[in-house]
C-alpha atoms as a PDB file:
ATOM      1  CA  UNK A   1     -15.123  50.363  15.823  1.00  0.00           C
ATOM      2  CA  UNK A   2     -16.131  46.773  15.386  1.00  0.00           C
ATOM      3  CA  UNK A   3     -19.465  45.957  16.947  1.00  0.00           C
ATOM      4  CA  UNK A   4     -20.535  42.912  18.870  1.00  0.00           C
ATOM      5  CA  UNK A   5     -23.012  40.837  16.939  1.00  0.00           C
ATOM      6  CA  UNK A   6     -26.477  42.376  17.126  1.00  0.00           C
ATOM      7  CA  UNK A   7     -25.602  44.895  19.862  1.00  0.00           C
ATOM      8  CA  UNK A   8     -24.118  47.857  18.011  1.00  0.00           C
ATOM      9  CA  UNK A   9     -21.589  48.163  20.879  1.00  0.00           C
ATOM     10  CA  UNK A  10     -17.806  47.992  20.513  1.00  0.00           C
ATOM     11  CA  UNK A  11     -16.293  44.648  21.403  1.00  0.00           C
ATOM     12  CA  UNK A  12     -14.229  44.816  24.582  1.00  0.00           C
ATOM     13  CA  UNK A  13     -11.235  42.600  25.220  1.00  0.00           C
ATOM     14  CA  UNK A  14     -12.351  39.884  27.668  1.00  0.00           C
ATOM     15  CA  UNK A  15     -10.626  38.448  30.758  1.00  0.00           C
ATOM     16  CA  UNK A  16      -9.161  41.718  32.036  1.00  0.00           C
ATOM     17  CA  UNK A  17      -9.856  42.557  35.662  1.00  0.00           C
ATOM     18  CA  UNK A  18     -11.143  45.975  36.684  1.00  0.00           C
ATOM     19  CA  UNK A  19      -7.839  46.785  38.385  1.00  0.00           C
ATOM     20  CA  UNK A  20      -5.751  46.052  35.300  1.00  0.00           C
ATOM     21  CA  UNK A  21      -8.311  47.666  32.996  1.00  0.00           C
ATOM     22  CA  UNK A  22      -7.980  50.928  34.926  1.00  0.00           C
ATOM     23  CA  UNK A  23      -4.164  50.740  34.830  1.00  0.00           C
ATOM     24  CA  UNK A  24      -4.149  50.034  31.105  1.00  0.00           C
ATOM     25  CA  UNK A  25      -6.577  52.848  30.348  1.00  0.00           C
ATOM     26  CA  UNK A  26      -4.395  55.208  32.412  1.00  0.00           C
ATOM     27  CA  UNK A  27      -1.549  54.249  30.064  1.00  0.00           C
ATOM     28  CA  UNK A  28      -3.685  55.026  27.038  1.00  0.00           C
ATOM     29  CA  UNK A  29      -4.393  51.379  26.177  1.00  0.00           C
ATOM     30  CA  UNK A  30      -7.899  50.836  24.834  1.00  0.00           C
ATOM     31  CA  UNK A  31      -9.638  47.527  25.490  1.00  0.00           C
ATOM     32  CA  UNK A  32     -11.934  48.083  22.520  1.00  0.00           C
ATOM     33  CA  UNK A  33     -11.175  47.540  18.870  1.00  0.00           C
ATOM     34  CA  UNK A  34      -9.992  50.689  17.166  1.00  0.00           C
ATOM     35  CA  UNK A  35     -11.206  51.565  13.645  1.00  0.00           C
ATOM     36  CA  UNK A  36     -10.076  48.943  11.108  1.00  0.00           C
ATOM     37  CA  UNK A  37      -8.611  46.783  13.899  1.00  0.00           C
ATOM     38  CA  UNK A  38      -9.706  43.144  14.091  1.00  0.00           C
ATOM     39  CA  UNK A  39     -10.489  41.418  17.370  1.00  0.00           C
ATOM     40  CA  UNK A  40      -7.399  39.239  16.923  1.00  0.00           C
ATOM     41  CA  UNK A  41      -5.210  42.335  16.515  1.00  0.00           C
ATOM     42  CA  UNK A  42      -6.853  43.954  19.544  1.00  0.00           C
ATOM     43  CA  UNK A  43      -6.277  40.844  21.667  1.00  0.00           C
ATOM     44  CA  UNK A  44      -2.589  40.667  20.723  1.00  0.00           C
ATOM     45  CA  UNK A  45      -2.213  44.364  21.530  1.00  0.00           C
ATOM     46  CA  UNK A  46      -3.797  43.888  24.962  1.00  0.00           C
ATOM     47  CA  UNK A  47      -1.651  40.800  25.609  1.00  0.00           C
ATOM     48  CA  UNK A  48       1.444  42.930  24.980  1.00  0.00           C
ATOM     49  CA  UNK A  49       0.170  45.732  27.219  1.00  0.00           C
ATOM     50  CA  UNK A  50      -0.489  43.271  30.059  1.00  0.00           C
ATOM     51  CA  UNK A  51       2.972  41.749  29.646  1.00  0.00           C
ATOM     52  CA  UNK A  52       4.564  45.193  29.801  1.00  0.00           C
ATOM     53  CA  UNK A  53       2.550  45.966  32.931  1.00  0.00           C
ATOM     54  CA  UNK A  54       3.771  42.759  34.561  1.00  0.00           C
ATOM     55  CA  UNK A  55       7.333  43.379  33.340  1.00  0.00           C
ATOM     56  CA  UNK A  56       7.397  46.865  34.899  1.00  0.00           C
ATOM     57  CA  UNK A  57       5.583  46.226  38.175  1.00  0.00           C
ATOM     58  CA  UNK A  58       5.694  42.482  38.820  1.00  0.00           C
ATOM     59  CA  UNK A  59       1.964  42.694  39.471  1.00  0.00           C
ATOM     60  CA  UNK A  60       0.294  39.356  40.235  1.00  0.00           C
ATOM     61  CA  UNK A  61      -3.024  40.675  38.915  1.00  0.00           C
ATOM     62  CA  UNK A  62      -1.333  41.589  35.608  1.00  0.00           C
ATOM     63  CA  UNK A  63       0.160  38.090  35.326  1.00  0.00           C
ATOM     64  CA  UNK A  64      -3.172  36.456  36.161  1.00  0.00           C
ATOM     65  CA  UNK A  65      -4.934  38.607  33.568  1.00  0.00           C
ATOM     66  CA  UNK A  66      -2.221  37.895  30.999  1.00  0.00           C
ATOM     67  CA  UNK A  67      -2.693  34.155  31.515  1.00  0.00           C
ATOM     68  CA  UNK A  68      -6.483  34.333  31.283  1.00  0.00           C
ATOM     69  CA  UNK A  69      -6.424  36.706  28.329  1.00  0.00           C
ATOM     70  CA  UNK A  70      -3.799  34.941  26.203  1.00  0.00           C
ATOM     71  CA  UNK A  71      -3.868  31.266  27.182  1.00  0.00           C
ATOM     72  CA  UNK A  72      -6.440  30.174  24.580  1.00  0.00           C
ATOM     73  CA  UNK A  73      -4.302  31.562  21.748  1.00  0.00           C
ATOM     74  CA  UNK A  74      -1.091  30.121  23.201  1.00  0.00           C
ATOM     75  CA  UNK A  75      -2.811  26.756  23.641  1.00  0.00           C
ATOM     76  CA  UNK A  76      -4.067  26.820  20.032  1.00  0.00           C
ATOM     77  CA  UNK A  77      -0.516  27.467  18.849  1.00  0.00           C
ATOM     78  CA  UNK A  78       0.798  24.619  21.016  1.00  0.00           C
ATOM     79  CA  UNK A  79      -1.814  22.262  19.546  1.00  0.00           C
ATOM     80  CA  UNK A  80      -0.615  23.251  16.073  1.00  0.00           C
ATOM     81  CA  UNK A  81       3.051  22.867  17.038  1.00  0.00           C
ATOM     82  CA  UNK A  82       2.506  19.427  18.605  1.00  0.00           C
ATOM     83  CA  UNK A  83       0.527  18.203  15.589  1.00  0.00           C
ATOM     84  CA  UNK A  84       3.257  19.469  13.298  1.00  0.00           C
ATOM     85  CA  UNK A  85       5.875  17.589  15.320  1.00  0.00           C
ATOM     86  CA  UNK A  86       3.784  14.388  15.261  1.00  0.00           C
ATOM     87  CA  UNK A  87       4.419  13.949  18.974  1.00  0.00           C
ATOM     88  CA  UNK A  88       2.463  12.497  21.877  1.00  0.00           C
ATOM     89  CA  UNK A  89       2.897  15.593  24.045  1.00  0.00           C
ATOM     90  CA  UNK A  90       0.051  17.101  26.077  1.00  0.00           C
ATOM     91  CA  UNK A  91      -0.541  20.733  24.959  1.00  0.00           C
ATOM     92  CA  UNK A  92      -2.195  21.604  28.285  1.00  0.00           C
ATOM     93  CA  UNK A  93       0.891  20.529  30.240  1.00  0.00           C
ATOM     94  CA  UNK A  94       3.057  22.462  27.778  1.00  0.00           C
ATOM     95  CA  UNK A  95       0.884  25.543  28.345  1.00  0.00           C
ATOM     96  CA  UNK A  96       1.537  25.416  32.093  1.00  0.00           C
ATOM     97  CA  UNK A  97       5.281  25.010  31.524  1.00  0.00           C
ATOM     98  CA  UNK A  98       5.242  27.933  29.096  1.00  0.00           C
ATOM     99  CA  UNK A  99       3.656  30.286  31.618  1.00  0.00           C
ATOM    100  CA  UNK A 100       6.004  29.101  34.349  1.00  0.00           C
ATOM    101  CA  UNK A 101       8.794  30.385  32.089  1.00  0.00           C
ATOM    102  CA  UNK A 102       6.886  33.597  31.315  1.00  0.00           C
ATOM    103  CA  UNK A 103       6.746  34.229  35.058  1.00  0.00           C
ATOM    104  CA  UNK A 104      10.294  33.123  35.807  1.00  0.00           C
ATOM    105  CA  UNK A 105      12.056  34.951  32.977  1.00  0.00           C
ATOM    106  CA  UNK A 106       9.844  38.017  32.646  1.00  0.00           C
ATOM    107  CA  UNK A 107      12.812  40.382  32.965  1.00  0.00           C
ATOM    108  CA  UNK A 108      14.209  39.094  29.662  1.00  0.00           C
ATOM    109  CA  UNK A 109      11.165  40.503  27.866  1.00  0.00           C
ATOM    110  CA  UNK A 110      11.996  43.525  25.703  1.00  0.00           C
ATOM    111  CA  UNK A 111       9.151  46.079  25.445  1.00  0.00           C
ATOM    112  CA  UNK A 112       8.745  47.612  22.029  1.00  0.00           C
ATOM    113  CA  UNK A 113      10.360  44.717  20.223  1.00  0.00           C
ATOM    114  CA  UNK A 114       8.652  43.665  16.996  1.00  0.00           C
ATOM    115  CA  UNK A 115       5.962  41.033  17.532  1.00  0.00           C
ATOM    116  CA  UNK A 116       5.365  41.973  21.162  1.00  0.00           C
ATOM    117  CA  UNK A 117       4.187  39.312  23.579  1.00  0.00           C
ATOM    118  CA  UNK A 118       2.982  37.034  20.766  1.00  0.00           C
ATOM    119  CA  UNK A 119       6.458  36.568  19.302  1.00  0.00           C
ATOM    120  CA  UNK A 120       8.164  36.324  22.697  1.00  0.00           C
ATOM    121  CA  UNK A 121       5.805  33.738  24.186  1.00  0.00           C
ATOM    122  CA  UNK A 122       6.004  31.599  21.043  1.00  0.00           C
ATOM    123  CA  UNK A 123       9.782  31.511  21.390  1.00  0.00           C
ATOM    124  CA  UNK A 124       9.353  30.320  24.969  1.00  0.00           C
ATOM    125  CA  UNK A 125       6.689  27.785  23.986  1.00  0.00           C
ATOM    126  CA  UNK A 126       8.800  26.433  21.125  1.00  0.00           C
ATOM    127  CA  UNK A 127      11.673  25.774  23.533  1.00  0.00           C
ATOM    128  CA  UNK A 128       9.270  24.108  25.979  1.00  0.00           C
ATOM    129  CA  UNK A 129       8.029  21.813  23.186  1.00  0.00           C
ATOM    130  CA  UNK A 130      11.568  21.058  22.039  1.00  0.00           C
ATOM    131  CA  UNK A 131      12.723  20.049  25.526  1.00  0.00           C
ATOM    132  CA  UNK A 132       9.578  18.007  26.216  1.00  0.00           C
ATOM    133  CA  UNK A 133       9.889  16.219  22.883  1.00  0.00           C
ATOM    134  CA  UNK A 134      13.531  15.408  23.597  1.00  0.00           C
ATOM    135  CA  UNK A 135      12.629  13.931  26.995  1.00  0.00           C
ATOM    136  CA  UNK A 136       9.712  11.968  25.535  1.00  0.00           C
ATOM    137  CA  UNK A 137      11.865  10.569  22.727  1.00  0.00           C
ATOM    138  CA  UNK A 138      14.596   9.609  25.182  1.00  0.00           C
ATOM    139  CA  UNK A 139      12.119   7.728  27.376  1.00  0.00           C
ATOM    140  CA  UNK A 140      10.571   5.987  24.379  1.00  0.00           C
ATOM    141  CA  UNK A 141      13.903   4.881  22.947  1.00  0.00           C
ATOM    142  CA  UNK A 142      15.053   3.537  26.315  1.00  0.00           C
ATOM    143  CA  UNK A 143      12.105   1.151  26.625  1.00  0.00           C
ATOM    144  CA  UNK A 144      12.501  -2.503  25.729  1.00  0.00           C
ATOM    145  CA  UNK A 145      10.561  -3.267  22.566  1.00  0.00           C
ATOM    146  CA  UNK A 146       8.862  -6.315  24.095  1.00  0.00           C
ATOM    147  CA  UNK A 147       7.872  -4.378  27.200  1.00  0.00           C
ATOM    148  CA  UNK A 148       6.538  -1.300  25.461  1.00  0.00           C
ATOM    149  CA  UNK A 149       2.974  -0.489  26.547  1.00  0.00           C
ATOM    150  CA  UNK A 150       0.107  -0.556  24.095  1.00  0.00           C
ATOM    151  CA  UNK A 151      -0.812   2.943  22.963  1.00  0.00           C
ATOM    152  CA  UNK A 152      -4.141   4.140  24.308  1.00  0.00           C
ATOM    153  CA  UNK A 153      -7.012   5.091  22.046  1.00  0.00           C
ATOM    154  CA  UNK A 154      -6.717   8.824  21.429  1.00  0.00           C
ATOM    155  CA  UNK A 155     -10.458   9.277  20.882  1.00  0.00           C
ATOM    156  CA  UNK A 156     -12.147  11.812  23.144  1.00  0.00           C
ATOM    157  CA  UNK A 157     -15.228  10.206  24.730  1.00  0.00           C
ATOM    158  CA  UNK A 158     -17.648  11.961  27.140  1.00  0.00           C
ATOM    159  CA  UNK A 159     -15.921  10.641  30.259  1.00  0.00           C
ATOM    160  CA  UNK A 160     -12.483  11.609  28.996  1.00  0.00           C
ATOM    161  CA  UNK A 161     -13.755  15.028  27.967  1.00  0.00           C
ATOM    162  CA  UNK A 162     -15.239  15.685  31.422  1.00  0.00           C
ATOM    163  CA  UNK A 163     -12.034  14.530  33.081  1.00  0.00           C
ATOM    164  CA  UNK A 164      -9.965  16.845  30.885  1.00  0.00           C
ATOM    165  CA  UNK A 165     -12.158  19.825  31.759  1.00  0.00           C
ATOM    166  CA  UNK A 166     -11.882  19.033  35.467  1.00  0.00           C
ATOM    167  CA  UNK A 167      -8.118  18.652  35.183  1.00  0.00           C
ATOM    168  CA  UNK A 168      -7.812  21.946  33.329  1.00  0.00           C
ATOM    169  CA  UNK A 169      -9.731  23.756  36.069  1.00  0.00           C
ATOM    170  CA  UNK A 170      -7.546  22.198  38.732  1.00  0.00           C
ATOM    171  CA  UNK A 171      -4.393  23.250  36.902  1.00  0.00           C
ATOM    172  CA  UNK A 172      -5.704  26.805  36.576  1.00  0.00           C
ATOM    173  CA  UNK A 173      -6.308  27.006  40.330  1.00  0.00           C
ATOM    174  CA  UNK A 174      -2.879  25.612  41.235  1.00  0.00           C
ATOM    175  CA  UNK A 175      -0.466  27.212  38.810  1.00  0.00           C
ATOM    176  CA  UNK A 176      -0.271  30.609  40.574  1.00  0.00           C
ATOM    177  CA  UNK A 177       0.556  28.905  43.870  1.00  0.00           C
ATOM    178  CA  UNK A 178       3.283  26.847  42.236  1.00  0.00           C
ATOM    179  CA  UNK A 179       4.751  29.938  40.564  1.00  0.00           C
ATOM    180  CA  UNK A 180       4.990  31.700  43.921  1.00  0.00           C
ATOM    181  CA  UNK A 181       7.019  28.805  45.318  1.00  0.00           C
ATOM    182  CA  UNK A 182       9.138  28.689  42.153  1.00  0.00           C
ATOM    183  CA  UNK A 183       9.930  32.411  42.398  1.00  0.00           C
ATOM    184  CA  UNK A 184      10.931  32.029  46.035  1.00  0.00           C
ATOM    185  CA  UNK A 185      13.258  29.150  45.131  1.00  0.00           C
ATOM    186  CA  UNK A 186      14.654  30.931  42.050  1.00  0.00           C
ATOM    187  CA  UNK A 187      15.431  34.061  44.088  1.00  0.00           C
ATOM    188  CA  UNK A 188      17.768  32.042  46.330  1.00  0.00           C
ATOM    189  CA  UNK A 189      20.091  31.172  43.421  1.00  0.00           C
ATOM    190  CA  UNK A 190      23.281  33.022  42.639  1.00  0.00           C
ATOM    191  CA  UNK A 191      23.132  35.555  39.828  1.00  0.00           C
ATOM    192  CA  UNK A 192      25.280  33.345  37.567  1.00  0.00           C
ATOM    193  CA  UNK A 193      23.018  30.337  38.152  1.00  0.00           C
ATOM    194  CA  UNK A 194      19.919  32.383  37.337  1.00  0.00           C
ATOM    195  CA  UNK A 195      21.494  33.746  34.152  1.00  0.00           C
ATOM    196  CA  UNK A 196      22.676  30.299  33.054  1.00  0.00           C
ATOM    197  CA  UNK A 197      19.180  28.838  33.499  1.00  0.00           C
ATOM    198  CA  UNK A 198      17.645  31.774  31.649  1.00  0.00           C
ATOM    199  CA  UNK A 199      19.974  31.427  28.661  1.00  0.00           C
ATOM    200  CA  UNK A 200      19.679  27.640  28.346  1.00  0.00           C
ATOM    201  CA  UNK A 201      16.099  26.966  29.458  1.00  0.00           C
ATOM    202  CA  UNK A 202      14.339  30.056  28.121  1.00  0.00           C
ATOM    203  CA  UNK A 203      16.378  31.261  25.157  1.00  0.00           C
ATOM    204  CA  UNK A 204      17.472  27.808  24.012  1.00  0.00           C
ATOM    205  CA  UNK A 205      21.166  28.756  23.860  1.00  0.00           C
ATOM    206  CA  UNK A 206      23.765  26.015  23.551  1.00  0.00           C
ATOM    207  CA  UNK A 207      26.175  25.345  26.401  1.00  0.00           C
ATOM    208  CA  UNK A 208      28.992  26.784  24.283  1.00  0.00           C
ATOM    209  CA  UNK A 209      27.083  30.039  23.670  1.00  0.00           C
ATOM    210  CA  UNK A 210      26.111  30.288  27.333  1.00  0.00           C
ATOM    211  CA  UNK A 211      29.675  29.665  28.477  1.00  0.00           C
ATOM    212  CA  UNK A 212      30.917  32.441  26.191  1.00  0.00           C
ATOM    213  CA  UNK A 213      28.362  34.938  27.534  1.00  0.00           C
ATOM    214  CA  UNK A 214      29.083  34.023  31.163  1.00  0.00           C
ATOM    215  CA  UNK A 215      32.832  34.135  30.593  1.00  0.00           C
ATOM    216  CA  UNK A 216      33.497  30.594  31.797  1.00  0.00           C
ATOM    217  CA  UNK A 217      35.245  27.651  30.226  1.00  0.00           C
ATOM    218  CA  UNK A 218      33.192  25.368  28.055  1.00  0.00           C
ATOM    219  CA  UNK A 219      34.269  22.351  30.101  1.00  0.00           C
ATOM    220  CA  UNK A 220      32.739  23.932  33.221  1.00  0.00           C
ATOM    221  CA  UNK A 221      29.352  24.721  31.693  1.00  0.00           C
ATOM    222  CA  UNK A 222      27.771  21.313  32.242  1.00  0.00           C
ATOM    223  CA  UNK A 223      28.740  21.370  35.905  1.00  0.00           C
ATOM    224  CA  UNK A 224      27.401  24.904  36.322  1.00  0.00           C
ATOM    225  CA  UNK A 225      24.043  23.857  34.854  1.00  0.00           C
ATOM    226  CA  UNK A 226      23.919  20.659  36.914  1.00  0.00           C
ATOM    227  CA  UNK A 227      24.562  22.509  40.155  1.00  0.00           C
ATOM    228  CA  UNK A 228      22.143  25.323  39.270  1.00  0.00           C
ATOM    229  CA  UNK A 229      19.363  22.810  38.641  1.00  0.00           C
ATOM    230  CA  UNK A 230      20.196  20.899  41.822  1.00  0.00           C
ATOM    231  CA  UNK A 231      20.145  24.094  43.898  1.00  0.00           C
ATOM    232  CA  UNK A 232      16.857  25.152  42.342  1.00  0.00           C
ATOM    233  CA  UNK A 233      15.338  21.725  42.993  1.00  0.00           C
ATOM    234  CA  UNK A 234      16.492  21.748  46.630  1.00  0.00           C
ATOM    235  CA  UNK A 235      15.199  25.290  47.192  1.00  0.00           C
ATOM    236  CA  UNK A 236      11.861  24.388  45.607  1.00  0.00           C
ATOM    237  CA  UNK A 237      11.492  21.328  47.839  1.00  0.00           C
ATOM    238  CA  UNK A 238      12.198  23.514  50.875  1.00  0.00           C
ATOM    239  CA  UNK A 239       9.657  26.103  49.739  1.00  0.00           C
ATOM    240  CA  UNK A 240       7.025  23.405  49.216  1.00  0.00           C
ATOM    241  CA  UNK A 241       7.763  21.861  52.611  1.00  0.00           C
ATOM    242  CA  UNK A 242       8.994  18.581  51.140  1.00  0.00           C
ATOM    243  CA  UNK A 243      12.592  18.627  52.343  1.00  0.00           C
ATOM    244  CA  UNK A 244      11.856  17.733  56.020  1.00  0.00           C
ATOM    245  CA  UNK A 245       9.778  14.746  54.914  1.00  0.00           C
ATOM    246  CA  UNK A 246      12.542  13.571  52.581  1.00  0.00           C
ATOM    247  CA  UNK A 247      15.084  13.935  55.391  1.00  0.00           C
ATOM    248  CA  UNK A 248      12.938  11.784  57.697  1.00  0.00           C
ATOM    249  CA  UNK A 249      12.774   9.080  55.014  1.00  0.00           C
ATOM    250  CA  UNK A 250      16.566   9.119  54.655  1.00  0.00           C
ATOM    251  CA  UNK A 251      17.071   8.908  58.422  1.00  0.00           C
ATOM    252  CA  UNK A 252      14.715   5.959  58.751  1.00  0.00           C
ATOM    253  CA  UNK A 253      16.262   4.070  55.824  1.00  0.00           C
END
């Protein structure tokens, strides 16, 4: 086994709660590096085991551990992907969107498939980046050239660094709560709406491909997606308690 520096002890995969550690060990999953296994290989193996645990049981503790255990590697990959695209996207915001989709579309995960969680989550993240880049480009192109804002200095000073750390902590504390509301809203949708959103938003299928799989006409696909998104948005507002406030605004207008 690999040893931690100066301790002579095997390195244990971090960020796994006692509850999940016991469940994984009961399944024969070791949290330590096996002989000739690197820490990176061990971490990817544990990521996959946590995803399979969440996929099978829908355990909140497994999802929380999966996020804590894998987010640094997913975020590193998003930083690389954003740099490669030359975009102005925020990798931290993309990370949150990626794990929203991990939570929402967990049942599309296929245990035993080559690449495990690493390959699956990168497919999700790549689609998140693609959609965010499309929206950012559309907003940029729609701006009047004379009214375009001056780009801010991208340098990371002490104040900006402290603010980013604080924002990251706040996002970590809020994302589980948001996901619970999202799941409640998503569960209210019809099966066809859920499948359409999964195919388009998660798997990046075209409308034509999605229409073929759902057995509907291509001319109807845009309307199906529009209504599915509207229903999801309405259900999410209701879950978050925003719909009554919006209704009061409409009535007073």
